[in-house]
């Protein structure tokens, strides 16, 4: 009997539990149906306050995969019934990387006794095309065609976003349709504002934009002046990076379209993606120089160079096929971040001081970029942090990198001061040791004198020798030219100068790499030394890929013959040069000859040789040119 009673009680409890679940399920269904009916009844625009109203939960959505539906077809009962009203309660509708066209339907209701003005805002300047069908107050619709890939002048309200002013009559209900499509990720933040609240928001928004771009401009100008003063390429790379980042954000935020050519459609998504690629190229090159990856991490350095090359290749791809590769471009940008972070971390583990600053700065930029990327992919909600995250991260990164550059300069100064202190200490130790004994002093003085003489001789030789090629440097060349000029002036003999430049060497260096370029210069130097073999002649490296030769007691034809041998000898090396029309490395030579006299100078002779060199380049390179005088050039192909 007790068992039967327990069985009955268990059955009652199961029944009551099921009944509760059914009641809860019914309440959810009723709630969803009520929300859908409320959305269809319309948005009460009179209840709008100082804060914007997100319209996504109250909108209806229709996907048009082929993009062929017209507005008239859309209003037919069959198509109107296809609209979905159960949209998520978010600030922005994330539709992802889709080629479909989407229609949004909004029902706006003004229950009051006075007409109201409202602002319908789509706060995403990167939506390629927006077609708004707005009630005209006479039973029809007016059409507004605008979008990020159209001229800024097409917008009904001048703002970096898309703003559609609405006039809602009293006791009236209006239906607004928006047709949206994009060549990149489609994200639709849809809000309704009162005019007063929107104007206040707009003023603050532009103030933030002005603050960021003002700071970026200051960074560019300051570091540009540092580059002019110090001639350190890292400052120029920083300037290019900051300028590219600012341009990218100006396009992303719609400011470039607003303030640079409102009637032109150049600030498109393709331009935006290309600007991001250029920003990353500048950042990769800046990172390499700042962290000295070529010396510390050679393999990682090649990887960074390869990434920079890939980003340069994306420029024409984005220009012609952005819709097909937009998502891949986002993935590439996201994949580059951990690569750069990993290289910086590896440098930090090797106790590279600059790597600590770079990691902190890059973390700020990475966080902002990650938030923006995830927002574009619809993975995080749209808010002030995700909308302007890249801008905030970029600003913090600029400041930290500027601080890193200042620290780098201070480190160089400190190292110089330490070296000077070490030198002073060494001198003091020498003095102290010399005072120990007069006899020891004499011996040590003699010994140190011999050592110093040998060291001075070595230093003198090093100071006059080019470290890369082993031939004389420019300093030695200037000394010998001055001496030979005076000797030629005293004896009345001719003096010839040859100036040589490697053809298309920058392209050779960029194509084959600096190490191969250095090896090329070494081989050319050896060839020059072997070709110009007279005891009185001097071969020197003038700078970069330029070489010079001083030939005493040599007239013009002889010097030109010497130049021809040099041109032929270098070409006979057959060093492959894929960026040269000849296919091999070649040189151009300018020759100048003269007897020193009144109104002439060694500098003038050198300028004539330089002019002859430029004439050789202008006539096709791989040749020698002889400067006759200040009015003519005698030429001869190599």
Foldseek 3Di string as FASTA:
>chain_A
DVVVVVVVVVVVVVVVVVVVVVVVVVVVVVVQVVLLVVLVVADAPVPDDLDKDFCQLSKWKDKAQVPPDDPVNCPDPVNVVRTHNRGDPFQKDWPFLGQIKMKIKGKHFHQAQAKAKKKKWFQWQQFAWKWKWADPVPPGTDIQIDGLQAFLVSAPDQDLTHIDMHIGGHRDMTMMMMITGHLGTDMTRIIMHGVVSVVVVRVVVVVVLCVLVVLLVVLLVVLVVVCVVVVDCLSVLLNQLSVLLNVLVCLRSSNCSNPPGRRDRPSHVLVNLLSVLSNLLSVLVSLCVLLVCVPVPVVLNVVSVVSNVVSVVCNVVSVPPSSVCNVVSLVSVLVVLVSSLVVLVVSVVVVRPLSVLQNVLSVQQNVLSVLCSCVSRVNDGDDPCSSCSNSRSSSSSSVSVVVSVVVVVVVVVVVVVVVVVVVVVVVVVVVVVLPPDVVVVVVVVVVVVVVVVVVVVVVVLVVQADPLQRFGAQVVVVVLLQVLLVVLQVVVAKKKKKKKAKPPLVLQCVVVHPVVSSVLLNVLQVLLCVLPPDPSKGWYAHDDRMIMMIDHRDAQVRVQVSVLSSQVSSVVVQDARPVDPVRGIGMEMFMEMDRDDPPDDSVNRVVNRVVQRVVCVVVPGSFYKYRPDPPDIHGDHD
